[in-house]
Amino acid sequence: MFFRSKRKLKKEFDDKLVSLIKETKEDLQQAKLIEELLDDYDLELIAQRKAAESIHFYLFKEARIRKVLIK
């Protein structure tokens, strides 16, 4: 009885993790694109890209630890 709810919760949070990974991947790609299109050197945009990159790779690492399959 208790194991069913644990599996259900794990699946629910794994799904949330996968959706977050997909969102952060889009944010990271958008930040990279903006940085490429910009002519001058802007530290704020570089910081935003680095932050998006850090968040994405942290979530990806967490998915690997949890052994979540990303489709």
N, C-alpha and C. Protein backbone atom coordinates (compact mmCIF):
# COMPACT_ATOMS: atom_id res chain seq x y z
N MET A 1 0.82 -1.19 0.00
CA MET A 1 0.00 0.00 0.00
C MET A 1 0.87 1.26 0.00
N PHE A 2 1.87 1.28 0.85
CA PHE A 2 2.72 2.46 0.93
C PHE A 2 3.63 2.59 -0.28
N PHE A 3 4.00 1.48 -0.86
CA PHE A 3 4.92 1.51 -2.00
C PHE A 3 4.25 2.08 -3.24
N ARG A 4 2.96 1.91 -3.36
CA ARG A 4 2.26 2.47 -4.52
C ARG A 4 2.33 3.99 -4.50
N SER A 5 2.09 4.58 -3.33
CA SER A 5 2.12 6.03 -3.25
C SER A 5 3.54 6.56 -3.47
N LYS A 6 4.55 5.82 -3.04
CA LYS A 6 5.93 6.25 -3.26
C LYS A 6 6.26 6.24 -4.75
N ARG A 7 5.83 5.18 -5.43
CA ARG A 7 6.08 5.12 -6.88
C ARG A 7 5.36 6.24 -7.60
N LYS A 8 4.13 6.51 -7.16
CA LYS A 8 3.35 7.57 -7.79
C LYS A 8 4.02 8.93 -7.57
N LEU A 9 4.49 9.18 -6.34
CA LEU A 9 5.17 10.44 -6.05
C LEU A 9 6.48 10.55 -6.83
N LYS A 10 7.23 9.46 -6.91
CA LYS A 10 8.48 9.47 -7.65
C LYS A 10 8.22 9.80 -9.11
N LYS A 11 7.21 9.17 -9.69
CA LYS A 11 6.88 9.42 -11.09
C LYS A 11 6.45 10.87 -11.29
N GLU A 12 5.67 11.39 -10.36
CA GLU A 12 5.20 12.77 -10.47
C GLU A 12 6.38 13.76 -10.42
N PHE A 13 7.28 13.56 -9.47
CA PHE A 13 8.42 14.48 -9.35
C PHE A 13 9.44 14.27 -10.46
N ASP A 14 9.55 13.06 -10.95
CA ASP A 14 10.43 12.83 -12.10
C ASP A 14 9.89 13.54 -13.34
N ASP A 15 8.58 13.52 -13.50
CA ASP A 15 7.97 14.24 -14.63
C ASP A 15 8.20 15.75 -14.51
N LYS A 16 8.10 16.27 -13.29
CA LYS A 16 8.36 17.69 -13.08
C LYS A 16 9.82 18.02 -13.40
N LEU A 17 10.72 17.13 -13.00
CA LEU A 17 12.13 17.33 -13.27
C LEU A 17 12.41 17.35 -14.77
N VAL A 18 11.80 16.44 -15.49
CA VAL A 18 11.99 16.39 -16.95
C VAL A 18 11.46 17.66 -17.60
N SER A 19 10.30 18.12 -17.15
CA SER A 19 9.76 19.35 -17.74
C SER A 19 10.65 20.56 -17.42
N LEU A 20 11.21 20.60 -16.21
CA LEU A 20 12.13 21.68 -15.86
C LEU A 20 13.39 21.63 -16.71
N ILE A 21 13.89 20.44 -16.96
CA ILE A 21 15.08 20.30 -17.80
C ILE A 21 14.80 20.81 -19.20
N LYS A 22 13.64 20.48 -19.73
CA LYS A 22 13.29 20.95 -21.08
C LYS A 22 13.15 22.47 -21.12
N GLU A 23 12.54 23.05 -20.08
CA GLU A 23 12.38 24.51 -20.03
C GLU A 23 13.74 25.20 -19.93
N THR A 24 14.61 24.68 -19.07
CA THR A 24 15.91 25.33 -18.91
C THR A 24 16.77 25.15 -20.16
N LYS A 25 16.57 24.07 -20.89
CA LYS A 25 17.31 23.88 -22.14
C LYS A 25 16.91 24.95 -23.14
N GLU A 26 15.61 25.24 -23.21
CA GLU A 26 15.14 26.29 -24.11
C GLU A 26 15.68 27.65 -23.68
N ASP A 27 15.69 27.91 -22.36
CA ASP A 27 16.23 29.17 -21.85
C ASP A 27 17.72 29.30 -22.19
N LEU A 28 18.45 28.20 -22.03
CA LEU A 28 19.87 28.22 -22.32
C LEU A 28 20.12 28.47 -23.80
N GLN A 29 19.37 27.82 -24.66
CA GLN A 29 19.54 28.02 -26.10
C GLN A 29 19.20 29.45 -26.50
N GLN A 30 18.16 30.00 -25.88
CA GLN A 30 17.78 31.38 -26.17
C GLN A 30 18.87 32.36 -25.70
N ALA A 31 19.43 32.11 -24.52
CA ALA A 31 20.50 32.98 -24.01
C ALA A 31 21.73 32.91 -24.90
N LYS A 32 22.07 31.72 -25.38
CA LYS A 32 23.22 31.57 -26.29
C LYS A 32 22.98 32.30 -27.59
N LEU A 33 21.76 32.19 -28.12
CA LEU A 33 21.42 32.86 -29.37
C LEU A 33 21.52 34.38 -29.23
N ILE A 34 20.98 34.91 -28.15
CA ILE A 34 21.03 36.35 -27.91
C ILE A 34 22.47 36.82 -27.79
N GLU A 35 23.29 36.03 -27.08
CA GLU A 35 24.69 36.40 -26.92
C GLU A 35 25.44 36.38 -28.26
N GLU A 36 25.12 35.43 -29.12
CA GLU A 36 25.75 35.38 -30.44
C GLU A 36 25.33 36.56 -31.32
N LEU A 37 24.07 36.96 -31.23
CA LEU A 37 23.57 38.03 -32.08
C LEU A 37 24.01 39.42 -31.62
N LEU A 38 24.44 39.53 -30.37
CA LEU A 38 24.84 40.81 -29.83
C LEU A 38 26.24 41.18 -30.34
N ASP A 39 26.38 42.42 -30.77
CA ASP A 39 27.66 42.87 -31.32
C ASP A 39 28.67 43.22 -30.23
N ASP A 40 28.23 43.94 -29.21
CA ASP A 40 29.19 44.37 -28.18
C ASP A 40 29.19 43.40 -26.99
N TYR A 41 30.11 43.61 -26.10
CA TYR A 41 30.36 42.74 -24.96
C TYR A 41 29.50 43.19 -23.79
N ASP A 42 28.51 42.39 -23.39
CA ASP A 42 27.60 42.76 -22.31
C ASP A 42 27.73 41.73 -21.18
N LEU A 43 28.21 42.21 -20.05
CA LEU A 43 28.43 41.30 -18.92
C LEU A 43 27.13 40.74 -18.35
N GLU A 44 26.06 41.51 -18.41
CA GLU A 44 24.78 41.05 -17.87
C GLU A 44 24.25 39.85 -18.67
N LEU A 45 24.37 39.91 -19.98
CA LEU A 45 23.91 38.79 -20.81
C LEU A 45 24.79 37.56 -20.63
N ILE A 46 26.07 37.77 -20.44
CA ILE A 46 26.96 36.64 -20.19
C ILE A 46 26.62 35.99 -18.85
N ALA A 47 26.32 36.82 -17.86
CA ALA A 47 25.94 36.29 -16.55
C ALA A 47 24.62 35.52 -16.63
N GLN A 48 23.67 36.02 -17.41
CA GLN A 48 22.40 35.30 -17.58
C GLN A 48 22.61 33.96 -18.26
N ARG A 49 23.50 33.92 -19.26
CA ARG A 49 23.78 32.66 -19.94
C ARG A 49 24.45 31.67 -19.00
N LYS A 50 25.40 32.17 -18.22
CA LYS A 50 26.10 31.29 -17.27
C LYS A 50 25.14 30.76 -16.21
N ALA A 51 24.21 31.59 -15.75
CA ALA A 51 23.23 31.16 -14.76
C ALA A 51 22.30 30.10 -15.35
N ALA A 52 21.84 30.34 -16.57
CA ALA A 52 20.97 29.37 -17.23
C ALA A 52 21.71 28.05 -17.46
N GLU A 53 22.98 28.15 -17.83
CA GLU A 53 23.80 26.96 -18.05
C GLU A 53 23.98 26.17 -16.74
N SER A 54 24.24 26.87 -15.65
CA SER A 54 24.42 26.22 -14.36
C SER A 54 23.16 25.51 -13.90
N ILE A 55 22.03 26.17 -14.05
CA ILE A 55 20.75 25.58 -13.65
C ILE A 55 20.47 24.33 -14.48
N HIS A 56 20.67 24.44 -15.78
CA HIS A 56 20.39 23.30 -16.67
C HIS A 56 21.26 22.10 -16.32
N PHE A 57 22.55 22.33 -16.14
CA PHE A 57 23.45 21.21 -15.86
C PHE A 57 23.22 20.64 -14.46
N TYR A 58 22.79 21.47 -13.50
CA TYR A 58 22.46 20.95 -12.17
C TYR A 58 21.25 20.02 -12.26
N LEU A 59 20.22 20.44 -12.99
CA LEU A 59 19.03 19.60 -13.13
C LEU A 59 19.35 18.31 -13.89
N PHE A 60 20.21 18.41 -14.89
CA PHE A 60 20.61 17.24 -15.65
C PHE A 60 21.37 16.26 -14.76
N LYS A 61 22.24 16.78 -13.90
CA LYS A 61 22.99 15.95 -12.96
C LYS A 61 22.04 15.27 -11.97
N GLU A 62 21.05 16.00 -11.50
CA GLU A 62 20.06 15.44 -10.58
C GLU A 62 19.27 14.31 -11.26
N ALA A 63 18.94 14.49 -12.52
CA ALA A 63 18.22 13.45 -13.25
C ALA A 63 19.09 12.21 -13.40
N ARG A 64 20.37 12.40 -13.61
CA ARG A 64 21.27 11.26 -13.74
C ARG A 64 21.38 10.52 -12.41
N ILE A 65 21.42 11.24 -11.30
CA ILE A 65 21.49 10.61 -9.98
C ILE A 65 20.22 9.83 -9.70
N ARG A 66 19.07 10.39 -10.06
CA ARG A 66 17.77 9.72 -9.85
C ARG A 66 17.49 8.63 -10.86
N LYS A 67 18.33 8.55 -11.91
CA LYS A 67 18.17 7.58 -12.99
C LYS A 67 16.84 7.77 -13.72
N VAL A 68 16.59 9.03 -14.08
CA VAL A 68 15.38 9.39 -14.80
C VAL A 68 15.67 9.32 -16.29
N LEU A 69 14.77 8.72 -17.05
CA LEU A 69 14.91 8.68 -18.50
C LEU A 69 14.22 9.89 -19.10
N ILE A 70 14.96 10.63 -19.92
CA ILE A 70 14.42 11.82 -20.58
C ILE A 70 14.12 11.45 -22.01
N LYS A 71 12.87 11.60 -22.39
CA LYS A 71 12.44 11.22 -23.75
C LYS A 71 12.31 12.45 -24.62
